[in-house]
Amino acid sequence: MKYITGFGRFWYDFIVGDDWRIAVLVLGALALVFVLAHHAMNVWWLLPIVVFVALAISLLRETRKR
């Protein structure tokens, strides 16, 4: 049981990390791209844009703290 708990904690820390908002934003973008691609829309370019915006938001938030 200890190994399963450790495995779960590792993946939680790996995906969520320091900011849960970024993880939610990226997972939401992945879901949106999946749904739109399922309906035969070519939206592969949306995910890199969302990741770039999420990175910019995270950097702005961290630099304002200091």
PDB file of N, CA and C in Angstrom:
ATOM      1  N   MET A   1       0.824  -1.189   0.000  1.00  0.00           N
ATOM      2  CA  MET A   1       0.000   0.000   0.000  1.00  0.00           C
ATOM      3  C   MET A   1       0.873   1.260   0.000  1.00  0.00           C
ATOM      4  N   LYS A   2       2.024   1.170   0.663  1.00  0.00           N
ATOM      5  CA  LYS A   2       2.926   2.318   0.736  1.00  0.00           C
ATOM      6  C   LYS A   2       3.423   2.714  -0.650  1.00  0.00           C
ATOM      7  N   TYR A   3       3.659   1.723  -1.507  1.00  0.00           N
ATOM      8  CA  TYR A   3       4.157   2.003  -2.854  1.00  0.00           C
ATOM      9  C   TYR A   3       3.084   2.651  -3.723  1.00  0.00           C
ATOM     10  N   ILE A   4       1.859   2.228  -3.560  1.00  0.00           N
ATOM     11  CA  ILE A   4       0.757   2.816  -4.327  1.00  0.00           C
ATOM     12  C   ILE A   4       0.550   4.270  -3.919  1.00  0.00           C
ATOM     13  N   THR A   5       0.599   4.545  -2.634  1.00  0.00           N
ATOM     14  CA  THR A   5       0.457   5.915  -2.150  1.00  0.00           C
ATOM     15  C   THR A   5       1.604   6.785  -2.650  1.00  0.00           C
ATOM     16  N   GLY A   6       2.810   6.271  -2.608  1.00  0.00           N
ATOM     17  CA  GLY A   6       3.961   7.013  -3.111  1.00  0.00           C
ATOM     18  C   GLY A   6       3.867   7.280  -4.600  1.00  0.00           C
ATOM     19  N   PHE A   7       3.383   6.299  -5.346  1.00  0.00           N
ATOM     20  CA  PHE A   7       3.200   6.448  -6.790  1.00  0.00           C
ATOM     21  C   PHE A   7       2.168   7.537  -7.085  1.00  0.00           C
ATOM     22  N   GLY A   8       1.072   7.524  -6.354  1.00  0.00           N
ATOM     23  CA  GLY A   8       0.039   8.550  -6.536  1.00  0.00           C
ATOM     24  C   GLY A   8       0.539   9.937  -6.177  1.00  0.00           C
ATOM     25  N   ARG A   9       1.282  10.029  -5.096  1.00  0.00           N
ATOM     26  CA  ARG A   9       1.842  11.331  -4.699  1.00  0.00           C
ATOM     27  C   ARG A   9       2.843  11.852  -5.721  1.00  0.00           C
ATOM     28  N   PHE A  10       3.641  10.954  -6.296  1.00  0.00           N
ATOM     29  CA  PHE A  10       4.585  11.360  -7.321  1.00  0.00           C
ATOM     30  C   PHE A  10       3.863  11.973  -8.514  1.00  0.00           C
ATOM     31  N   TRP A  11       2.834  11.282  -9.022  1.00  0.00           N
ATOM     32  CA  TRP A  11       2.132  11.784 -10.201  1.00  0.00           C
ATOM     33  C   TRP A  11       1.377  13.064  -9.898  1.00  0.00           C
ATOM     34  N   TYR A  12       0.813  13.187  -8.693  1.00  0.00           N
ATOM     35  CA  TYR A  12       0.146  14.428  -8.315  1.00  0.00           C
ATOM     36  C   TYR A  12       1.149  15.578  -8.300  1.00  0.00           C
ATOM     37  N   ASP A  13       2.291  15.356  -7.689  1.00  0.00           N
ATOM     38  CA  ASP A  13       3.313  16.403  -7.625  1.00  0.00           C
ATOM     39  C   ASP A  13       3.875  16.704  -9.010  1.00  0.00           C
ATOM     40  N   PHE A  14       4.004  15.694  -9.854  1.00  0.00           N
ATOM     41  CA  PHE A  14       4.540  15.887 -11.201  1.00  0.00           C
ATOM     42  C   PHE A  14       3.579  16.684 -12.068  1.00  0.00           C
ATOM     43  N   ILE A  15       2.294  16.396 -12.001  1.00  0.00           N
ATOM     44  CA  ILE A  15       1.308  17.070 -12.849  1.00  0.00           C
ATOM     45  C   ILE A  15       0.917  18.416 -12.266  1.00  0.00           C
ATOM     46  N   VAL A  16       0.584  18.465 -11.007  1.00  0.00           N
ATOM     47  CA  VAL A  16       0.111  19.714 -10.403  1.00  0.00           C
ATOM     48  C   VAL A  16       1.287  20.615 -10.057  1.00  0.00           C
ATOM     49  N   GLY A  17       2.311  20.066  -9.441  1.00  0.00           N
ATOM     50  CA  GLY A  17       3.484  20.863  -9.104  1.00  0.00           C
ATOM     51  C   GLY A  17       3.185  21.954  -8.102  1.00  0.00           C
ATOM     52  N   ASP A  18       3.658  23.153  -8.394  1.00  0.00           N
ATOM     53  CA  ASP A  18       3.490  24.267  -7.476  1.00  0.00           C
ATOM     54  C   ASP A  18       2.196  25.038  -7.673  1.00  0.00           C
ATOM     55  N   ASP A  19       1.618  24.984  -8.859  1.00  0.00           N
ATOM     56  CA  ASP A  19       0.452  25.807  -9.147  1.00  0.00           C
ATOM     57  C   ASP A  19      -0.643  24.967  -9.786  1.00  0.00           C
ATOM     58  N   TRP A  20      -1.702  24.725  -9.050  1.00  0.00           N
ATOM     59  CA  TRP A  20      -2.786  23.891  -9.547  1.00  0.00           C
ATOM     60  C   TRP A  20      -3.555  24.577 -10.672  1.00  0.00           C
ATOM     61  N   ARG A  21      -3.517  25.902 -10.708  1.00  0.00           N
ATOM     62  CA  ARG A  21      -4.258  26.631 -11.750  1.00  0.00           C
ATOM     63  C   ARG A  21      -3.686  26.342 -13.138  1.00  0.00           C
ATOM     64  N   ILE A  22      -2.382  26.257 -13.226  1.00  0.00           N
ATOM     65  CA  ILE A  22      -1.734  25.959 -14.506  1.00  0.00           C
ATOM     66  C   ILE A  22      -2.102  24.552 -14.953  1.00  0.00           C
ATOM     67  N   ALA A  23      -2.102  23.598 -14.027  1.00  0.00           N
ATOM     68  CA  ALA A  23      -2.462  22.225 -14.377  1.00  0.00           C
ATOM     69  C   ALA A  23      -3.903  22.151 -14.875  1.00  0.00           C
ATOM     70  N   VAL A  24      -4.811  22.862 -14.227  1.00  0.00           N
ATOM     71  CA  VAL A  24      -6.213  22.869 -14.658  1.00  0.00           C
ATOM     72  C   VAL A  24      -6.344  23.501 -16.033  1.00  0.00           C
ATOM     73  N   LEU A  25      -5.631  24.589 -16.271  1.00  0.00           N
ATOM     74  CA  LEU A  25      -5.690  25.271 -17.561  1.00  0.00           C
ATOM     75  C   LEU A  25      -5.179  24.372 -18.686  1.00  0.00           C
ATOM     76  N   VAL A  26      -4.066  23.713 -18.469  1.00  0.00           N
ATOM     77  CA  VAL A  26      -3.499  22.843 -19.504  1.00  0.00           C
ATOM     78  C   VAL A  26      -4.371  21.608 -19.720  1.00  0.00           C
ATOM     79  N   LEU A  27      -4.880  21.010 -18.647  1.00  0.00           N
ATOM     80  CA  LEU A  27      -5.759  19.854 -18.817  1.00  0.00           C
ATOM     81  C   LEU A  27      -7.066  20.243 -19.505  1.00  0.00           C
ATOM     82  N   GLY A  28      -7.581  21.427 -19.197  1.00  0.00           N
ATOM     83  CA  GLY A  28      -8.772  21.912 -19.889  1.00  0.00           C
ATOM     84  C   GLY A  28      -8.515  22.135 -21.369  1.00  0.00           C
ATOM     85  N   ALA A  29      -7.353  22.666 -21.698  1.00  0.00           N
ATOM     86  CA  ALA A  29      -6.993  22.864 -23.100  1.00  0.00           C
ATOM     87  C   ALA A  29      -6.837  21.529 -23.813  1.00  0.00           C
ATOM     88  N   LEU A  30      -6.245  20.550 -23.135  1.00  0.00           N
ATOM     89  CA  LEU A  30      -6.134  19.213 -23.726  1.00  0.00           C
ATOM     90  C   LEU A  30      -7.514  18.622 -24.012  1.00  0.00           C
ATOM     91  N   ALA A  31      -8.426  18.776 -23.070  1.00  0.00           N
ATOM     92  CA  ALA A  31      -9.781  18.261 -23.268  1.00  0.00           C
ATOM     93  C   ALA A  31     -10.482  18.984 -24.417  1.00  0.00           C
ATOM     94  N   LEU A  32     -10.318  20.300 -24.488  1.00  0.00           N
ATOM     95  CA  LEU A  32     -10.937  21.071 -25.568  1.00  0.00           C
ATOM     96  C   LEU A  32     -10.382  20.677 -26.923  1.00  0.00           C
ATOM     97  N   VAL A  33      -9.070  20.527 -27.024  1.00  0.00           N
ATOM     98  CA  VAL A  33      -8.454  20.114 -28.284  1.00  0.00           C
ATOM     99  C   VAL A  33      -8.920  18.708 -28.656  1.00  0.00           C
ATOM    100  N   PHE A  34      -9.047  17.828 -27.683  1.00  0.00           N
ATOM    101  CA  PHE A  34      -9.532  16.474 -27.957  1.00  0.00           C
ATOM    102  C   PHE A  34     -10.952  16.495 -28.516  1.00  0.00           C
ATOM    103  N   VAL A  35     -11.824  17.254 -27.875  1.00  0.00           N
ATOM    104  CA  VAL A  35     -13.223  17.312 -28.323  1.00  0.00           C
ATOM    105  C   VAL A  35     -13.319  17.932 -29.710  1.00  0.00           C
ATOM    106  N   LEU A  36     -12.616  19.023 -29.937  1.00  0.00           N
ATOM    107  CA  LEU A  36     -12.674  19.669 -31.241  1.00  0.00           C
ATOM    108  C   LEU A  36     -12.044  18.807 -32.333  1.00  0.00           C
ATOM    109  N   ALA A  37     -10.983  18.105 -32.017  1.00  0.00           N
ATOM    110  CA  ALA A  37     -10.359  17.208 -32.997  1.00  0.00           C
ATOM    111  C   ALA A  37     -11.268  16.015 -33.301  1.00  0.00           C
ATOM    112  N   HIS A  38     -12.019  15.589 -32.315  1.00  0.00           N
ATOM    113  CA  HIS A  38     -12.965  14.494 -32.515  1.00  0.00           C
ATOM    114  C   HIS A  38     -14.058  14.897 -33.507  1.00  0.00           C
ATOM    115  N   HIS A  39     -14.361  16.180 -33.548  1.00  0.00           N
ATOM    116  CA  HIS A  39     -15.360  16.700 -34.486  1.00  0.00           C
ATOM    117  C   HIS A  39     -14.710  17.206 -35.773  1.00  0.00           C
ATOM    118  N   ALA A  40     -13.561  16.667 -36.104  1.00  0.00           N
ATOM    119  CA  ALA A  40     -12.846  16.925 -37.364  1.00  0.00           C
ATOM    120  C   ALA A  40     -12.438  18.384 -37.544  1.00  0.00           C
ATOM    121  N   MET A  41     -12.055  19.030 -36.458  1.00  0.00           N
ATOM    122  CA  MET A  41     -11.538  20.394 -36.545  1.00  0.00           C
ATOM    123  C   MET A  41     -10.026  20.345 -36.341  1.00  0.00           C
ATOM    124  N   ASN A  42      -9.307  21.120 -37.111  1.00  0.00           N
ATOM    125  CA  ASN A  42      -7.850  21.149 -37.038  1.00  0.00           C
ATOM    126  C   ASN A  42      -7.424  22.245 -36.057  1.00  0.00           C
ATOM    127  N   VAL A  43      -7.284  21.881 -34.796  1.00  0.00           N
ATOM    128  CA  VAL A  43      -6.974  22.862 -33.750  1.00  0.00           C
ATOM    129  C   VAL A  43      -5.721  22.491 -32.968  1.00  0.00           C
ATOM    130  N   TRP A  44      -4.771  21.843 -33.605  1.00  0.00           N
ATOM    131  CA  TRP A  44      -3.539  21.447 -32.930  1.00  0.00           C
ATOM    132  C   TRP A  44      -2.774  22.655 -32.413  1.00  0.00           C
ATOM    133  N   TRP A  45      -2.920  23.797 -33.053  1.00  0.00           N
ATOM    134  CA  TRP A  45      -2.186  25.012 -32.708  1.00  0.00           C
ATOM    135  C   TRP A  45      -2.677  25.639 -31.403  1.00  0.00           C
ATOM    136  N   LEU A  46      -3.853  25.241 -30.936  1.00  0.00           N
ATOM    137  CA  LEU A  46      -4.421  25.840 -29.729  1.00  0.00           C
ATOM    138  C   LEU A  46      -3.631  25.471 -28.478  1.00  0.00           C
ATOM    139  N   LEU A  47      -3.172  24.247 -28.388  1.00  0.00           N
ATOM    140  CA  LEU A  47      -2.471  23.786 -27.183  1.00  0.00           C
ATOM    141  C   LEU A  47      -1.159  24.530 -26.929  1.00  0.00           C
ATOM    142  N   PRO A  48      -0.283  24.736 -27.927  1.00  0.00           N
ATOM    143  CA  PRO A  48       0.927  25.516 -27.644  1.00  0.00           C
ATOM    144  C   PRO A  48       0.633  26.953 -27.216  1.00  0.00           C
ATOM    145  N   ILE A  49      -0.414  27.536 -27.757  1.00  0.00           N
ATOM    146  CA  ILE A  49      -0.782  28.902 -27.357  1.00  0.00           C
ATOM    147  C   ILE A  49      -1.225  28.927 -25.900  1.00  0.00           C
ATOM    148  N   VAL A  50      -2.052  27.962 -25.507  1.00  0.00           N
ATOM    149  CA  VAL A  50      -2.520  27.909 -24.114  1.00  0.00           C
ATOM    150  C   VAL A  50      -1.350  27.674 -23.164  1.00  0.00           C
ATOM    151  N   VAL A  51      -0.426  26.810 -23.530  1.00  0.00           N
ATOM    152  CA  VAL A  51       0.736  26.549 -22.677  1.00  0.00           C
ATOM    153  C   VAL A  51       1.597  27.803 -22.549  1.00  0.00           C
ATOM    154  N   PHE A  52       1.785  28.530 -23.645  1.00  0.00           N
ATOM    155  CA  PHE A  52       2.556  29.772 -23.603  1.00  0.00           C
ATOM    156  C   PHE A  52       1.876  30.803 -22.710  1.00  0.00           C
ATOM    157  N   VAL A  53       0.567  30.959 -22.842  1.00  0.00           N
ATOM    158  CA  VAL A  53      -0.177  31.918 -22.012  1.00  0.00           C
ATOM    159  C   VAL A  53      -0.122  31.501 -20.543  1.00  0.00           C
ATOM    160  N   ALA A  54      -0.250  30.210 -20.264  1.00  0.00           N
ATOM    161  CA  ALA A  54      -0.177  29.728 -18.888  1.00  0.00           C
ATOM    162  C   ALA A  54       1.198  30.015 -18.287  1.00  0.00           C
ATOM    163  N   LEU A  55       2.248  29.813 -19.068  1.00  0.00           N
ATOM    164  CA  LEU A  55       3.594  30.123 -18.597  1.00  0.00           C
ATOM    165  C   LEU A  55       3.748  31.612 -18.320  1.00  0.00           C
ATOM    166  N   ALA A  56       3.225  32.452 -19.208  1.00  0.00           N
ATOM    167  CA  ALA A  56       3.313  33.897 -19.014  1.00  0.00           C
ATOM    168  C   ALA A  56       2.556  34.330 -17.763  1.00  0.00           C
ATOM    169  N   ILE A  57       1.373  33.780 -17.554  1.00  0.00           N
ATOM    170  CA  ILE A  57       0.594  34.118 -16.356  1.00  0.00           C
ATOM    171  C   ILE A  57       1.335  33.696 -15.099  1.00  0.00           C
ATOM    172  N   SER A  58       1.903  32.499 -15.121  1.00  0.00           N
ATOM    173  CA  SER A  58       2.638  32.008 -13.961  1.00  0.00           C
ATOM    174  C   SER A  58       3.858  32.879 -13.663  1.00  0.00           C
ATOM    175  N   LEU A  59       4.591  33.261 -14.698  1.00  0.00           N
ATOM    176  CA  LEU A  59       5.765  34.110 -14.496  1.00  0.00           C
ATOM    177  C   LEU A  59       5.383  35.489 -13.984  1.00  0.00           C
ATOM    178  N   LEU A  60       4.323  36.061 -14.521  1.00  0.00           N
ATOM    179  CA  LEU A  60       3.867  37.367 -14.027  1.00  0.00           C
ATOM    180  C   LEU A  60       3.439  37.302 -12.568  1.00  0.00           C
ATOM    181  N   ARG A  61       2.740  36.244 -12.209  1.00  0.00           N
ATOM    182  CA  ARG A  61       2.282  36.107 -10.827  1.00  0.00           C
ATOM    183  C   ARG A  61       3.471  35.961  -9.874  1.00  0.00           C
ATOM    184  N   GLU A  62       4.478  35.192 -10.275  1.00  0.00           N
ATOM    185  CA  GLU A  62       5.645  34.993  -9.413  1.00  0.00           C
ATOM    186  C   GLU A  62       6.513  36.235  -9.300  1.00  0.00           C
ATOM    187  N   THR A  63       6.646  36.985 -10.380  1.00  0.00           N
ATOM    188  CA  THR A  63       7.487  38.193 -10.319  1.00  0.00           C
ATOM    189  C   THR A  63       6.812  39.302  -9.519  1.00  0.00           C
ATOM    190  N   ARG A  64       5.505  39.311  -9.467  1.00  0.00           N
ATOM    191  CA  ARG A  64       4.808  40.322  -8.668  1.00  0.00           C
ATOM    192  C   ARG A  64       4.886  40.036  -7.185  1.00  0.00           C
ATOM    193  N   LYS A  65       5.135  38.791  -6.805  1.00  0.00           N
ATOM    194  CA  LYS A  65       5.253  38.431  -5.388  1.00  0.00           C
ATOM    195  C   LYS A  65       6.512  39.021  -4.769  1.00  0.00           C
ATOM    196  N   ARG A  66       7.532  39.216  -5.546  1.00  0.00           N
ATOM    197  CA  ARG A  66       8.842  39.599  -5.023  1.00  0.00           C
ATOM    198  C   ARG A  66       9.025  41.063  -5.004  1.00  0.00           C
TER     199      ARG A  66
END
